[in-house]
N, C-alpha and C. Protein backbone atom coordinates (compact mmCIF):
# COMPACT_ATOMS: atom_id res chain seq x y z
N UNK A 1 11.43 -51.61 -58.65
CA UNK A 1 10.56 -51.18 -57.55
C UNK A 1 10.96 -49.79 -57.06
N UNK A 2 12.25 -49.65 -56.73
CA UNK A 2 12.73 -48.35 -56.26
C UNK A 2 12.57 -47.30 -57.35
N UNK A 3 12.83 -47.72 -58.59
CA UNK A 3 12.73 -46.81 -59.72
C UNK A 3 11.30 -46.27 -59.86
N UNK A 4 10.33 -47.17 -59.75
CA UNK A 4 8.93 -46.77 -59.86
C UNK A 4 8.55 -45.80 -58.74
N UNK A 5 9.00 -46.11 -57.52
CA UNK A 5 8.71 -45.22 -56.39
C UNK A 5 9.34 -43.85 -56.62
N UNK A 6 10.57 -43.84 -57.09
CA UNK A 6 11.26 -42.57 -57.32
C UNK A 6 10.53 -41.75 -58.37
N UNK A 7 10.11 -42.42 -59.45
CA UNK A 7 9.39 -41.69 -60.51
C UNK A 7 8.10 -41.11 -59.97
N UNK A 8 7.36 -41.90 -59.21
CA UNK A 8 6.10 -41.44 -58.65
C UNK A 8 6.33 -40.23 -57.73
N UNK A 9 7.35 -40.35 -56.89
CA UNK A 9 7.68 -39.27 -55.95
C UNK A 9 8.06 -38.00 -56.70
N UNK A 10 8.90 -38.16 -57.72
CA UNK A 10 9.33 -36.99 -58.50
C UNK A 10 8.15 -36.34 -59.21
N UNK A 11 7.27 -37.18 -59.76
CA UNK A 11 6.12 -36.62 -60.47
C UNK A 11 5.24 -35.82 -59.52
N UNK A 12 4.99 -36.39 -58.35
CA UNK A 12 4.14 -35.71 -57.37
C UNK A 12 4.80 -34.41 -56.91
N UNK A 13 6.10 -34.48 -56.65
CA UNK A 13 6.81 -33.29 -56.20
C UNK A 13 6.84 -32.20 -57.26
N UNK A 14 7.01 -32.62 -58.52
CA UNK A 14 7.04 -31.64 -59.60
C UNK A 14 5.71 -30.90 -59.68
N UNK A 15 4.61 -31.67 -59.59
CA UNK A 15 3.30 -31.03 -59.65
C UNK A 15 3.13 -30.05 -58.51
N UNK A 16 3.55 -30.45 -57.32
CA UNK A 16 3.45 -29.58 -56.14
C UNK A 16 4.28 -28.32 -56.34
N UNK A 17 5.49 -28.49 -56.85
CA UNK A 17 6.37 -27.34 -57.06
C UNK A 17 5.79 -26.38 -58.09
N UNK A 18 5.19 -26.95 -59.14
CA UNK A 18 4.61 -26.10 -60.18
C UNK A 18 3.47 -25.27 -59.60
N UNK A 19 2.61 -25.91 -58.79
CA UNK A 19 1.50 -25.17 -58.19
C UNK A 19 2.01 -24.09 -57.26
N UNK A 20 3.04 -24.41 -56.45
CA UNK A 20 3.59 -23.42 -55.54
C UNK A 20 4.21 -22.27 -56.32
N UNK A 21 4.92 -22.60 -57.41
CA UNK A 21 5.55 -21.57 -58.24
C UNK A 21 4.51 -20.64 -58.84
N UNK A 22 3.40 -21.24 -59.33
CA UNK A 22 2.33 -20.41 -59.90
C UNK A 22 1.76 -19.48 -58.84
N UNK A 23 1.54 -20.01 -57.64
CA UNK A 23 0.98 -19.18 -56.57
C UNK A 23 1.92 -18.03 -56.24
N UNK A 24 3.22 -18.35 -56.14
CA UNK A 24 4.20 -17.30 -55.83
C UNK A 24 4.24 -16.27 -56.94
N UNK A 25 4.19 -16.72 -58.21
CA UNK A 25 4.19 -15.80 -59.34
C UNK A 25 2.97 -14.88 -59.26
N UNK A 26 1.81 -15.45 -58.97
CA UNK A 26 0.60 -14.64 -58.87
C UNK A 26 0.73 -13.59 -57.79
N UNK A 27 1.29 -13.98 -56.64
CA UNK A 27 1.47 -13.03 -55.55
C UNK A 27 2.43 -11.93 -55.95
N UNK A 28 3.53 -12.30 -56.62
CA UNK A 28 4.51 -11.30 -57.05
C UNK A 28 3.88 -10.33 -58.04
N UNK A 29 3.14 -10.88 -59.00
CA UNK A 29 2.52 -10.03 -60.03
C UNK A 29 1.51 -9.08 -59.39
N UNK A 30 0.66 -9.60 -58.51
CA UNK A 30 -0.36 -8.75 -57.89
C UNK A 30 0.28 -7.68 -57.01
N UNK A 31 1.34 -8.04 -56.28
CA UNK A 31 1.99 -7.05 -55.42
C UNK A 31 2.69 -5.99 -56.26
N UNK A 32 3.30 -6.37 -57.38
CA UNK A 32 3.96 -5.38 -58.23
C UNK A 32 2.92 -4.47 -58.88
N UNK A 33 1.78 -5.05 -59.29
CA UNK A 33 0.71 -4.23 -59.86
C UNK A 33 0.19 -3.24 -58.82
N UNK A 34 -0.01 -3.71 -57.59
CA UNK A 34 -0.46 -2.84 -56.51
C UNK A 34 0.54 -1.71 -56.28
N UNK A 35 1.85 -2.07 -56.27
CA UNK A 35 2.90 -1.07 -56.05
C UNK A 35 2.88 -0.03 -57.17
N UNK A 36 2.78 -0.50 -58.42
CA UNK A 36 2.78 0.44 -59.54
C UNK A 36 1.56 1.34 -59.51
N UNK A 37 0.40 0.79 -59.14
CA UNK A 37 -0.80 1.62 -59.08
C UNK A 37 -0.65 2.68 -57.98
N UNK A 38 -0.05 2.30 -56.84
CA UNK A 38 0.17 3.28 -55.78
C UNK A 38 1.12 4.37 -56.26
N UNK A 39 2.19 3.99 -56.95
CA UNK A 39 3.14 4.98 -57.47
C UNK A 39 2.44 5.90 -58.46
N UNK A 40 1.61 5.34 -59.34
CA UNK A 40 0.90 6.15 -60.33
C UNK A 40 -0.05 7.13 -59.65
N UNK A 41 -0.74 6.67 -58.60
CA UNK A 41 -1.65 7.56 -57.87
C UNK A 41 -0.86 8.70 -57.24
N UNK A 42 0.30 8.39 -56.67
CA UNK A 42 1.12 9.44 -56.07
C UNK A 42 1.60 10.43 -57.13
N UNK A 43 2.00 9.92 -58.30
CA UNK A 43 2.45 10.80 -59.37
C UNK A 43 1.31 11.69 -59.84
N UNK A 44 0.11 11.11 -60.00
CA UNK A 44 -1.05 11.90 -60.43
C UNK A 44 -1.38 12.97 -59.39
N UNK A 45 -1.34 12.59 -58.11
CA UNK A 45 -1.62 13.55 -57.05
C UNK A 45 -0.56 14.65 -57.05
N UNK A 46 0.68 14.27 -57.40
CA UNK A 46 1.76 15.26 -57.44
C UNK A 46 1.57 16.23 -58.60
N UNK A 47 1.10 15.71 -59.74
CA UNK A 47 0.97 16.57 -60.92
C UNK A 47 -0.25 17.47 -60.86
N UNK A 48 -1.35 16.98 -60.26
CA UNK A 48 -2.58 17.79 -60.27
C UNK A 48 -2.76 18.51 -58.95
């Protein structure tokens, strides 16, 4: 009984953690892309 509950809890938590991790990864990737694009714009403005 306890074993089944633990497995269910772990499975649910793992799914939740995976979704949260994906969301955090997406935010990190988008923010780094935004940062790089800003840096590139500044470099282009500096060169031209």
